[in-house]
Amino acid sequence: MTLHVDLATELCGVALRNPVLLASGTCGYGSELAPFVDLEQLGGIVAKSLTLEPRAGNVPPRITETAAGMLNAISLENVGVEAFIREKLPALPAALTVFASVFETELDRYAEVCKRLDGVERVAALELNASCPHVKAGGIEFGQDPRVLAELVRACRRATTRPLLVKLSPNVTSIAEMARVCEGEGADGLSLINAVQGLMVDVHRRRTALRNGLGGLSGPAILPIALRMVFQAARAVRIPICGIGGIATGEDAVAFLLCGATAVQVGTLTYTNPRAGLEVASGIEAYCREHGVARVRDLVGALEPWPPG
């Protein structure tokens, strides 16, 4: 008899049909993938990061492949929060769970984006992109300074009643410290990790591969880094974690769950395979059947310790 696997889970009070979401910046606003995939079969999507006004992003070249992933410096190009609410959300299937990603360069502007999304019924939760340069703090990422990160989460927590996740930067010394800061300021959950800062060189032109120079590395290359950080953060806080970083298979996703993640996000793989999120969800289900796991929730934090000696 085939085991029935319950893939349903909950992230920060938001019910998900399965633990797989598509990561912000890799699925556009969702409708771009609609011709290729039944979006309602996903756990949900995290739409492209939103700013107060439309943002053009960096001049190309701003994306390049690497040996085990992708480096990008797109710089969060988006249509702006009002156009998202007015045009992008209504184009999505009614049963699709939508998380909105928020990005800005100053605290009050972050809070204002959160405020404008607060009363939007289709938005199930907000994800703060904390890996952005704070212009009033010398360009340091919000997520690299515990004090600045605390101010960011505090300001946004006051601006919205929606569940609030903070997407943390991996470019820090202690991810556990940053996780505790977010929990202490009222965050409902964490998303980690964001892209790892990197650089590629075109040796024939003797230039950086990206016009911007530095970019964010994503894809399979960062999987072990992401697992390590989820493992450490899960042991530092009680709030749920959404694991991100290099997921290509159901077993990759299961590894995040075992390390303490409640849900996961599939990102870079979607560029080459629009159905990647659904295939990862199917892979999780296959793993559960093979190992006799009736509820996917039972995998969360279930990593077994090595015996002594």
C-alpha atoms as a PDB file:
ATOM      1  CA  MET A   1       0.000   0.000   0.000  1.00  0.00           C
ATOM      2  CA  THR A   2       1.409   3.392  -1.017  1.00  0.00           C
ATOM      3  CA  LEU A   3       2.033   5.726   1.895  1.00  0.00           C
ATOM      4  CA  HIS A   4       0.014   8.936   1.783  1.00  0.00           C
ATOM      5  CA  VAL A   5       2.329  11.855   2.503  1.00  0.00           C
ATOM      6  CA  ASP A   6       0.941  15.057   3.988  1.00  0.00           C
ATOM      7  CA  LEU A   7       3.039  17.831   2.443  1.00  0.00           C
ATOM      8  CA  ALA A   8       1.065  20.666   4.035  1.00  0.00           C
ATOM      9  CA  THR A   9       2.932  22.953   6.394  1.00  0.00           C
ATOM     10  CA  GLU A  10       2.751  26.423   7.904  1.00  0.00           C
ATOM     11  CA  LEU A  11       5.246  29.288   7.745  1.00  0.00           C
ATOM     12  CA  CYS A  12       4.728  32.177  10.177  1.00  0.00           C
ATOM     13  CA  GLY A  13       1.036  31.356  10.405  1.00  0.00           C
ATOM     14  CA  VAL A  14       0.614  31.134   6.616  1.00  0.00           C
ATOM     15  CA  ALA A  15      -0.759  27.772   5.450  1.00  0.00           C
ATOM     16  CA  LEU A  16       1.201  26.214   2.562  1.00  0.00           C
ATOM     17  CA  ARG A  17       0.075  23.238   0.468  1.00  0.00           C
ATOM     18  CA  ASN A  18       3.712  22.076   0.421  1.00  0.00           C
ATOM     19  CA  PRO A  19       6.969  23.520   1.787  1.00  0.00           C
ATOM     20  CA  VAL A  20       8.340  24.781  -1.561  1.00  0.00           C
ATOM     21  CA  LEU A  21       8.185  28.433  -2.578  1.00  0.00           C
ATOM     22  CA  LEU A  22       9.904  30.190  -5.466  1.00  0.00           C
ATOM     23  CA  ALA A  23      12.538  32.677  -4.344  1.00  0.00           C
ATOM     24  CA  SER A  24      12.310  36.411  -4.845  1.00  0.00           C
ATOM     25  CA  GLY A  25      13.987  37.717  -7.985  1.00  0.00           C
ATOM     26  CA  THR A  26      13.923  34.341  -9.738  1.00  0.00           C
ATOM     27  CA  CYS A  27      10.246  34.065 -10.638  1.00  0.00           C
ATOM     28  CA  GLY A  28       9.504  37.691 -11.535  1.00  0.00           C
ATOM     29  CA  TYR A  29       6.044  38.568 -10.261  1.00  0.00           C
ATOM     30  CA  GLY A  30       4.794  35.030 -10.848  1.00  0.00           C
ATOM     31  CA  SER A  31       2.767  35.563 -14.000  1.00  0.00           C
ATOM     32  CA  GLU A  32       5.913  35.194 -16.126  1.00  0.00           C
ATOM     33  CA  LEU A  33       5.978  31.482 -15.234  1.00  0.00           C
ATOM     34  CA  ALA A  34       2.231  30.872 -15.651  1.00  0.00           C
ATOM     35  CA  PRO A  35       2.552  29.547 -19.251  1.00  0.00           C
ATOM     36  CA  PHE A  36       4.971  26.856 -18.061  1.00  0.00           C
ATOM     37  CA  VAL A  37       3.804  25.772 -14.612  1.00  0.00           C
ATOM     38  CA  ASP A  38       0.619  25.495 -12.549  1.00  0.00           C
ATOM     39  CA  LEU A  39       1.535  28.066  -9.915  1.00  0.00           C
ATOM     40  CA  GLU A  40      -1.267  26.941  -7.592  1.00  0.00           C
ATOM     41  CA  GLN A  41       0.529  23.613  -7.090  1.00  0.00           C
ATOM     42  CA  LEU A  42       3.442  25.381  -5.413  1.00  0.00           C
ATOM     43  CA  GLY A  43       3.603  26.205  -1.722  1.00  0.00           C
ATOM     44  CA  GLY A  44       3.756  29.809  -2.908  1.00  0.00           C
ATOM     45  CA  ILE A  45       6.020  32.441  -4.420  1.00  0.00           C
ATOM     46  CA  VAL A  46       8.056  35.321  -3.081  1.00  0.00           C
ATOM     47  CA  ALA A  47       7.551  38.023  -5.685  1.00  0.00           C
ATOM     48  CA  LYS A  48      10.301  40.298  -6.951  1.00  0.00           C
ATOM     49  CA  SER A  49      11.545  42.822  -4.361  1.00  0.00           C
ATOM     50  CA  LEU A  50       9.583  46.078  -4.287  1.00  0.00           C
ATOM     51  CA  THR A  51      10.638  49.674  -3.717  1.00  0.00           C
ATOM     52  CA  LEU A  52       8.521  52.799  -3.313  1.00  0.00           C
ATOM     53  CA  GLU A  53       9.131  53.938  -6.874  1.00  0.00           C
ATOM     54  CA  PRO A  54      10.075  51.943  -9.988  1.00  0.00           C
ATOM     55  CA  ARG A  55      13.768  51.039 -10.081  1.00  0.00           C
ATOM     56  CA  ALA A  56      15.830  50.496 -13.238  1.00  0.00           C
ATOM     57  CA  GLY A  57      18.676  48.440 -11.796  1.00  0.00           C
ATOM     58  CA  ASN A  58      22.250  48.223 -13.064  1.00  0.00           C
ATOM     59  CA  VAL A  59      23.469  48.573 -16.638  1.00  0.00           C
ATOM     60  CA  PRO A  60      24.406  45.232 -18.333  1.00  0.00           C
ATOM     61  CA  PRO A  61      26.364  43.076 -18.252  1.00  0.00           C
ATOM     62  CA  ARG A  62      24.810  42.295 -14.899  1.00  0.00           C
ATOM     63  CA  ILE A  63      24.484  38.499 -14.899  1.00  0.00           C
ATOM     64  CA  THR A  64      26.910  35.691 -15.706  1.00  0.00           C
ATOM     65  CA  GLU A  65      27.136  31.945 -15.248  1.00  0.00           C
ATOM     66  CA  THR A  66      29.734  30.389 -12.967  1.00  0.00           C
ATOM     67  CA  ALA A  67      31.006  26.816 -12.717  1.00  0.00           C
ATOM     68  CA  ALA A  68      28.339  25.914 -10.158  1.00  0.00           C
ATOM     69  CA  GLY A  69      25.790  28.681 -10.260  1.00  0.00           C
ATOM     70  CA  MET A  70      25.220  32.272 -11.265  1.00  0.00           C
ATOM     71  CA  LEU A  71      26.590  35.696 -10.366  1.00  0.00           C
ATOM     72  CA  ASN A  72      24.269  38.671 -10.682  1.00  0.00           C
ATOM     73  CA  ALA A  73      24.253  42.395 -10.005  1.00  0.00           C
ATOM     74  CA  ILE A  74      20.806  43.215 -11.358  1.00  0.00           C
ATOM     75  CA  SER A  75      20.282  45.532  -8.384  1.00  0.00           C
ATOM     76  CA  LEU A  76      16.636  44.712  -7.709  1.00  0.00           C
ATOM     77  CA  GLU A  77      15.003  46.249 -10.768  1.00  0.00           C
ATOM     78  CA  ASN A  78      11.244  46.426 -10.167  1.00  0.00           C
ATOM     79  CA  VAL A  79       8.007  48.199 -11.096  1.00  0.00           C
ATOM     80  CA  GLY A  80       7.466  49.776  -7.663  1.00  0.00           C
ATOM     81  CA  VAL A  81       5.000  48.848  -4.945  1.00  0.00           C
ATOM     82  CA  GLU A  82       1.948  50.648  -6.373  1.00  0.00           C
ATOM     83  CA  ALA A  83       2.252  49.058  -9.823  1.00  0.00           C
ATOM     84  CA  PHE A  84       2.699  45.671  -8.142  1.00  0.00           C
ATOM     85  CA  ILE A  85      -0.534  46.097  -6.193  1.00  0.00           C
ATOM     86  CA  ARG A  86      -2.449  47.542  -9.140  1.00  0.00           C
ATOM     87  CA  GLU A  87      -1.165  45.401 -12.024  1.00  0.00           C
ATOM     88  CA  LYS A  88       0.873  42.373 -10.957  1.00  0.00           C
ATOM     89  CA  LEU A  89      -1.162  40.890  -8.101  1.00  0.00           C
ATOM     90  CA  PRO A  90      -4.492  40.749  -9.990  1.00  0.00           C
ATOM     91  CA  ALA A  91      -2.802  38.743 -12.766  1.00  0.00           C
ATOM     92  CA  LEU A  92      -1.967  35.868 -10.391  1.00  0.00           C
ATOM     93  CA  PRO A  93      -4.142  32.795  -9.765  1.00  0.00           C
ATOM     94  CA  ALA A  94      -6.490  33.290  -6.827  1.00  0.00           C
ATOM     95  CA  ALA A  95      -5.275  30.214  -4.940  1.00  0.00           C
ATOM     96  CA  LEU A  96      -1.572  31.118  -5.160  1.00  0.00           C
ATOM     97  CA  THR A  97       0.018  32.128  -1.856  1.00  0.00           C
ATOM     98  CA  VAL A  98       2.015  35.320  -2.414  1.00  0.00           C
ATOM     99  CA  PHE A  99       4.774  36.681  -0.201  1.00  0.00           C
ATOM    100  CA  ALA A 100       5.891  40.223  -1.061  1.00  0.00           C
ATOM    101  CA  SER A 101       9.587  41.093  -0.830  1.00  0.00           C
ATOM    102  CA  VAL A 102      10.504  44.566   0.414  1.00  0.00           C
ATOM    103  CA  PHE A 103      13.696  46.486  -0.346  1.00  0.00           C
ATOM    104  CA  GLU A 104      14.800  50.062   0.110  1.00  0.00           C
ATOM    105  CA  THR A 105      17.855  52.158   0.954  1.00  0.00           C
ATOM    106  CA  GLU A 106      16.576  53.968   4.070  1.00  0.00           C
ATOM    107  CA  LEU A 107      14.642  52.840   7.139  1.00  0.00           C
ATOM    108  CA  ASP A 108      11.635  55.091   6.672  1.00  0.00           C
ATOM    109  CA  ARG A 109      11.272  54.047   3.037  1.00  0.00           C
ATOM    110  CA  TYR A 110      11.386  50.354   3.987  1.00  0.00           C
ATOM    111  CA  ALA A 111       8.639  50.996   6.526  1.00  0.00           C
ATOM    112  CA  GLU A 112       6.548  52.898   3.990  1.00  0.00           C
ATOM    113  CA  VAL A 113       6.630  49.997   1.515  1.00  0.00           C
ATOM    114  CA  CYS A 114       5.515  47.667   4.328  1.00  0.00           C
ATOM    115  CA  LYS A 115       2.723  50.054   5.247  1.00  0.00           C
ATOM    116  CA  ARG A 116       1.408  50.194   1.683  1.00  0.00           C
ATOM    117  CA  LEU A 117       1.345  46.396   1.463  1.00  0.00           C
ATOM    118  CA  ASP A 118      -0.236  45.938   4.884  1.00  0.00           C
ATOM    119  CA  GLY A 119      -3.852  46.147   3.798  1.00  0.00           C
ATOM    120  CA  VAL A 120      -3.467  44.212   0.560  1.00  0.00           C
ATOM    121  CA  GLU A 121      -5.522  41.047   0.947  1.00  0.00           C
ATOM    122  CA  ARG A 122      -3.585  38.967  -1.602  1.00  0.00           C
ATOM    123  CA  VAL A 123      -0.292  39.487   0.223  1.00  0.00           C
ATOM    124  CA  ALA A 124       0.040  36.686   2.785  1.00  0.00           C
ATOM    125  CA  ALA A 125       3.297  37.881   4.345  1.00  0.00           C
ATOM    126  CA  LEU A 126       6.259  40.195   3.838  1.00  0.00           C
ATOM    127  CA  GLU A 127       9.904  39.268   3.401  1.00  0.00           C
ATOM    128  CA  LEU A 128      12.425  42.010   4.210  1.00  0.00           C
ATOM    129  CA  ASN A 129      15.468  41.896   1.963  1.00  0.00           C
ATOM    130  CA  ALA A 130      18.123  42.953   4.476  1.00  0.00           C
ATOM    131  CA  SER A 131      21.048  42.459   2.086  1.00  0.00           C
ATOM    132  CA  CYS A 132      20.756  45.957   0.672  1.00  0.00           C
ATOM    133  CA  PRO A 133      23.129  48.928   1.120  1.00  0.00           C
ATOM    134  CA  HIS A 134      22.007  51.485   3.699  1.00  0.00           C
ATOM    135  CA  VAL A 135      22.849  54.832   2.079  1.00  0.00           C
ATOM    136  CA  LYS A 136      22.775  56.721   5.389  1.00  0.00           C
ATOM    137  CA  ALA A 137      25.183  54.245   7.006  1.00  0.00           C
ATOM    138  CA  GLY A 138      27.977  54.463   4.455  1.00  0.00           C
ATOM    139  CA  GLY A 139      26.635  51.781   2.128  1.00  0.00           C
ATOM    140  CA  ILE A 140      26.879  48.885   4.594  1.00  0.00           C
ATOM    141  CA  GLU A 141      24.262  46.179   4.137  1.00  0.00           C
ATOM    142  CA  PHE A 142      21.375  46.457   6.594  1.00  0.00           C
ATOM    143  CA  GLY A 143      21.960  42.834   7.502  1.00  0.00           C
ATOM    144  CA  GLN A 144      25.658  43.229   8.324  1.00  0.00           C
ATOM    145  CA  ASP A 145      25.344  45.506  11.351  1.00  0.00           C
ATOM    146  CA  PRO A 146      23.307  44.175  14.304  1.00  0.00           C
ATOM    147  CA  ARG A 147      22.294  47.668  15.400  1.00  0.00           C
ATOM    148  CA  VAL A 148      21.122  48.717  11.928  1.00  0.00           C
ATOM    149  CA  LEU A 149      19.360  45.392  11.412  1.00  0.00           C
ATOM    150  CA  ALA A 150      17.514  45.862  14.715  1.00  0.00           C
ATOM    151  CA  GLU A 151      16.372  49.328  13.652  1.00  0.00           C
ATOM    152  CA  LEU A 152      15.158  47.965  10.311  1.00  0.00           C
ATOM    153  CA  VAL A 153      13.113  45.127  11.792  1.00  0.00           C
ATOM    154  CA  ARG A 154      11.701  47.394  14.505  1.00  0.00           C
ATOM    155  CA  ALA A 155      10.584  50.026  11.981  1.00  0.00           C
ATOM    156  CA  CYS A 156       8.969  47.496   9.662  1.00  0.00           C
ATOM    157  CA  ARG A 157       7.330  45.584  12.488  1.00  0.00           C
ATOM    158  CA  ARG A 158       5.565  48.793  13.510  1.00  0.00           C
ATOM    159  CA  ALA A 159       4.463  49.423   9.916  1.00  0.00           C
ATOM    160  CA  THR A 160       2.660  46.145   9.239  1.00  0.00           C
ATOM    161  CA  THR A 161       0.403  43.571  10.831  1.00  0.00           C
ATOM    162  CA  ARG A 162       1.353  41.004   8.190  1.00  0.00           C
ATOM    163  CA  PRO A 163       3.672  38.117   9.121  1.00  0.00           C
ATOM    164  CA  LEU A 164       7.211  39.434   8.751  1.00  0.00           C
ATOM    165  CA  LEU A 165      10.207  37.377   7.625  1.00  0.00           C
ATOM    166  CA  VAL A 166      13.713  38.807   7.401  1.00  0.00           C
ATOM    167  CA  LYS A 167      15.947  37.574   4.585  1.00  0.00           C
ATOM    168  CA  LEU A 168      19.419  37.595   6.063  1.00  0.00           C
ATOM    169  CA  SER A 169      22.729  38.309   4.402  1.00  0.00           C
ATOM    170  CA  PRO A 170      25.314  35.503   4.505  1.00  0.00           C
ATOM    171  CA  ASN A 171      28.091  38.097   4.443  1.00  0.00           C
ATOM    172  CA  VAL A 172      28.365  38.202   8.243  1.00  0.00           C
ATOM    173  CA  THR A 173      30.558  36.721  10.958  1.00  0.00           C
ATOM    174  CA  SER A 174      27.730  35.231  13.039  1.00  0.00           C
ATOM    175  CA  ILE A 175      24.396  34.338  11.453  1.00  0.00           C
ATOM    176  CA  ALA A 176      23.137  33.230  14.876  1.00  0.00           C
ATOM    177  CA  GLU A 177      23.635  36.743  16.257  1.00  0.00           C
ATOM    178  CA  MET A 178      21.710  38.287  13.360  1.00  0.00           C
ATOM    179  CA  ALA A 179      18.922  35.745  13.769  1.00  0.00           C
ATOM    180  CA  ARG A 180      18.573  36.595  17.461  1.00  0.00           C
ATOM    181  CA  VAL A 181      18.427  40.319  16.629  1.00  0.00           C
ATOM    182  CA  CYS A 182      15.501  39.723  14.273  1.00  0.00           C
ATOM    183  CA  GLU A 183      13.642  37.566  16.769  1.00  0.00           C
ATOM    184  CA  GLY A 184      14.182  40.141  19.497  1.00  0.00           C
ATOM    185  CA  GLU A 185      12.649  42.906  17.385  1.00  0.00           C
ATOM    186  CA  GLY A 186       9.488  40.982  16.566  1.00  0.00           C
ATOM    187  CA  ALA A 187      10.224  39.188  13.300  1.00  0.00           C
ATOM    188  CA  ASP A 188       7.908  36.222  12.744  1.00  0.00           C
ATOM    189  CA  GLY A 189      10.462  34.239  10.764  1.00  0.00           C
ATOM    190  CA  LEU A 190      13.728  34.226   8.840  1.00  0.00           C
ATOM    191  CA  SER A 191      14.680  33.513   5.239  1.00  0.00           C
ATOM    192  CA  LEU A 192      18.266  32.469   4.680  1.00  0.00           C
ATOM    193  CA  ILE A 193      20.459  32.779   2.926  1.00  0.00           C
ATOM    194  CA  ASN A 194      20.629  35.545   0.375  1.00  0.00           C
ATOM    195  CA  ALA A 195      23.316  35.428  -2.332  1.00  0.00           C
ATOM    196  CA  VAL A 196      26.988  35.284  -1.318  1.00  0.00           C
ATOM    197  CA  GLN A 197      29.114  38.202  -2.472  1.00  0.00           C
ATOM    198  CA  GLY A 198      31.497  37.228  -5.267  1.00  0.00           C
ATOM    199  CA  LEU A 199      33.397  38.378  -8.336  1.00  0.00           C
ATOM    200  CA  MET A 200      34.221  36.900 -11.751  1.00  0.00           C
ATOM    201  CA  VAL A 201      36.900  38.096 -14.178  1.00  0.00           C
ATOM    202  CA  ASP A 202      36.951  38.035 -17.976  1.00  0.00           C
ATOM    203  CA  VAL A 203      40.683  37.388 -18.407  1.00  0.00           C
ATOM    204  CA  HIS A 204      40.602  38.020 -22.158  1.00  0.00           C
ATOM    205  CA  ARG A 205      39.258  41.547 -21.715  1.00  0.00           C
ATOM    206  CA  ARG A 206      40.945  42.004 -18.341  1.00  0.00           C
ATOM    207  CA  ARG A 207      37.705  43.252 -16.898  1.00  0.00           C
ATOM    208  CA  THR A 208      35.277  42.074 -14.277  1.00  0.00           C
ATOM    209  CA  ALA A 209      32.580  39.915 -15.853  1.00  0.00           C
ATOM    210  CA  LEU A 210      29.895  42.218 -14.446  1.00  0.00           C
ATOM    211  CA  ARG A 211      29.967  45.947 -15.099  1.00  0.00           C
ATOM    212  CA  ASN A 212      29.258  46.481 -11.388  1.00  0.00           C
ATOM    213  CA  GLY A 213      32.234  44.308 -10.415  1.00  0.00           C
ATOM    214  CA  LEU A 214      30.825  42.501  -7.391  1.00  0.00           C
ATOM    215  CA  GLY A 215      27.689  40.402  -7.600  1.00  0.00           C
ATOM    216  CA  GLY A 216      25.632  37.877  -5.689  1.00  0.00           C
ATOM    217  CA  LEU A 217      26.564  34.221  -6.109  1.00  0.00           C
ATOM    218  CA  SER A 218      23.654  31.756  -6.096  1.00  0.00           C
ATOM    219  CA  GLY A 219      23.074  28.184  -7.183  1.00  0.00           C
ATOM    220  CA  PRO A 220      24.554  24.821  -6.117  1.00  0.00           C
ATOM    221  CA  ALA A 221      27.886  26.406  -5.151  1.00  0.00           C
ATOM    222  CA  ILE A 222      26.364  27.969  -2.028  1.00  0.00           C
ATOM    223  CA  LEU A 223      24.350  24.957  -0.805  1.00  0.00           C
ATOM    224  CA  PRO A 224      26.796  23.913   1.967  1.00  0.00           C
ATOM    225  CA  ILE A 225      27.065  27.520   3.177  1.00  0.00           C
ATOM    226  CA  ALA A 226      23.291  27.878   3.286  1.00  0.00           C
ATOM    227  CA  LEU A 227      22.827  24.587   5.147  1.00  0.00           C
ATOM    228  CA  ARG A 228      25.416  25.607   7.711  1.00  0.00           C
ATOM    229  CA  MET A 229      23.721  28.936   8.341  1.00  0.00           C
ATOM    230  CA  VAL A 230      20.228  27.436   8.609  1.00  0.00           C
ATOM    231  CA  PHE A 231      21.610  24.848  11.041  1.00  0.00           C
ATOM    232  CA  GLN A 232      23.192  27.563  13.204  1.00  0.00           C
ATOM    233  CA  ALA A 233      20.231  29.946  13.076  1.00  0.00           C
ATOM    234  CA  ALA A 234      17.717  27.218  13.907  1.00  0.00           C
ATOM    235  CA  ARG A 235      19.609  26.528  17.119  1.00  0.00           C
ATOM    236  CA  ALA A 236      19.715  30.189  18.058  1.00  0.00           C
ATOM    237  CA  VAL A 237      16.030  31.166  17.691  1.00  0.00           C
ATOM    238  CA  ARG A 238      12.516  29.773  18.100  1.00  0.00           C
ATOM    239  CA  ILE A 239      10.941  31.494  15.073  1.00  0.00           C
ATOM    240  CA  PRO A 240      10.584  29.461  11.846  1.00  0.00           C
ATOM    241  CA  ILE A 241      13.123  29.525   9.046  1.00  0.00           C
ATOM    242  CA  CYS A 242      12.715  29.346   5.285  1.00  0.00           C
ATOM    243  CA  GLY A 243      15.861  27.795   3.796  1.00  0.00           C
ATOM    244  CA  ILE A 244      17.340  29.114   0.559  1.00  0.00           C
ATOM    245  CA  GLY A 245      20.517  28.386  -1.357  1.00  0.00           C
ATOM    246  CA  GLY A 246      21.390  26.018  -4.196  1.00  0.00           C
ATOM    247  CA  ILE A 247      18.381  23.699  -3.966  1.00  0.00           C
ATOM    248  CA  ALA A 248      18.183  21.521  -7.081  1.00  0.00           C
ATOM    249  CA  THR A 249      16.492  18.314  -5.868  1.00  0.00           C
ATOM    250  CA  GLY A 250      13.997  17.068  -3.337  1.00  0.00           C
ATOM    251  CA  GLU A 251      16.847  15.683  -1.256  1.00  0.00           C
ATOM    252  CA  ASP A 252      18.510  19.116  -1.186  1.00  0.00           C
ATOM    253  CA  ALA A 253      15.263  20.517   0.221  1.00  0.00           C
ATOM    254  CA  VAL A 254      15.005  17.687   2.770  1.00  0.00           C
ATOM    255  CA  ALA A 255      18.508  18.555   3.986  1.00  0.00           C
ATOM    256  CA  PHE A 256      17.291  22.078   4.798  1.00  0.00           C
ATOM    257  CA  LEU A 257      14.265  20.704   6.632  1.00  0.00           C
ATOM    258  CA  LEU A 258      16.432  18.359   8.671  1.00  0.00           C
ATOM    259  CA  CYS A 259      18.692  21.287   9.589  1.00  0.00           C
ATOM    260  CA  GLY A 260      15.691  23.146  11.002  1.00  0.00           C
ATOM    261  CA  ALA A 261      13.953  24.905   8.113  1.00  0.00           C
ATOM    262  CA  THR A 262      10.145  24.807   8.039  1.00  0.00           C
ATOM    263  CA  ALA A 263       9.981  25.577   4.300  1.00  0.00           C
ATOM    264  CA  VAL A 264      12.384  26.213   1.439  1.00  0.00           C
ATOM    265  CA  GLN A 265      12.733  28.448  -1.595  1.00  0.00           C
ATOM    266  CA  VAL A 266      13.923  27.359  -5.026  1.00  0.00           C
ATOM    267  CA  GLY A 267      15.693  30.094  -6.945  1.00  0.00           C
ATOM    268  CA  THR A 268      18.461  29.876  -9.536  1.00  0.00           C
ATOM    269  CA  LEU A 269      17.316  26.532 -10.947  1.00  0.00           C
ATOM    270  CA  THR A 270      14.072  28.162 -12.086  1.00  0.00           C
ATOM    271  CA  TYR A 271      16.012  30.096 -14.741  1.00  0.00           C
ATOM    272  CA  THR A 272      16.828  26.879 -16.613  1.00  0.00           C
ATOM    273  CA  ASN A 273      13.787  24.870 -15.536  1.00  0.00           C
ATOM    274  CA  PRO A 274      10.554  26.768 -14.813  1.00  0.00           C
ATOM    275  CA  ARG A 275       9.092  23.587 -13.269  1.00  0.00           C
ATOM    276  CA  ALA A 276      11.920  23.235 -10.779  1.00  0.00           C
ATOM    277  CA  GLY A 277       9.806  24.153  -7.751  1.00  0.00           C
ATOM    278  CA  LEU A 278       7.198  21.502  -8.508  1.00  0.00           C
ATOM    279  CA  GLU A 279       9.876  18.898  -9.181  1.00  0.00           C
ATOM    280  CA  VAL A 280      11.528  19.659  -5.845  1.00  0.00           C
ATOM    281  CA  ALA A 281       8.164  19.265  -4.090  1.00  0.00           C
ATOM    282  CA  SER A 282       7.670  15.906  -5.835  1.00  0.00           C
ATOM    283  CA  GLY A 283      11.163  14.916  -4.763  1.00  0.00           C
ATOM    284  CA  ILE A 284      10.339  15.689  -1.128  1.00  0.00           C
ATOM    285  CA  GLU A 285       7.230  13.524  -1.392  1.00  0.00           C
ATOM    286  CA  ALA A 286       9.250  10.671  -2.927  1.00  0.00           C
ATOM    287  CA  TYR A 287      11.807  10.894  -0.119  1.00  0.00           C
ATOM    288  CA  CYS A 288       9.053  10.754   2.498  1.00  0.00           C
ATOM    289  CA  ARG A 289       7.514   7.670   0.889  1.00  0.00           C
ATOM    290  CA  GLU A 290      10.871   5.928   0.671  1.00  0.00           C
ATOM    291  CA  HIS A 291      11.635   6.627   4.330  1.00  0.00           C
ATOM    292  CA  GLY A 292       8.157   6.112   5.759  1.00  0.00           C
ATOM    293  CA  VAL A 293       7.560   9.740   6.717  1.00  0.00           C
ATOM    294  CA  ALA A 294       3.826  10.446   6.731  1.00  0.00           C
ATOM    295  CA  ARG A 295       4.038  14.207   7.425  1.00  0.00           C
ATOM    296  CA  VAL A 296       6.649  16.522   5.978  1.00  0.00           C
ATOM    297  CA  ARG A 297       6.474  18.575   9.190  1.00  0.00           C
ATOM    298  CA  ASP A 298       8.096  15.653  11.005  1.00  0.00           C
ATOM    299  CA  LEU A 299      11.332  16.257   9.087  1.00  0.00           C
ATOM    300  CA  VAL A 300      11.866  19.746  10.517  1.00  0.00           C
ATOM    301  CA  GLY A 301      14.908  19.752  12.785  1.00  0.00           C
ATOM    302  CA  ALA A 302      15.100  15.951  12.724  1.00  0.00           C
ATOM    303  CA  LEU A 303      18.818  15.745  11.959  1.00  0.00           C
ATOM    304  CA  GLU A 304      20.323  12.819  13.880  1.00  0.00           C
ATOM    305  CA  PRO A 305      23.508  13.356  15.911  1.00  0.00           C
ATOM    306  CA  TRP A 306      26.514  11.129  15.358  1.00  0.00           C
ATOM    307  CA  PRO A 307      26.990   8.601  18.159  1.00  0.00           C
ATOM    308  CA  PRO A 308      29.871   9.371  20.548  1.00  0.00           C
ATOM    309  CA  GLY A 309      33.260   7.922  19.880  1.00  0.00           C
END
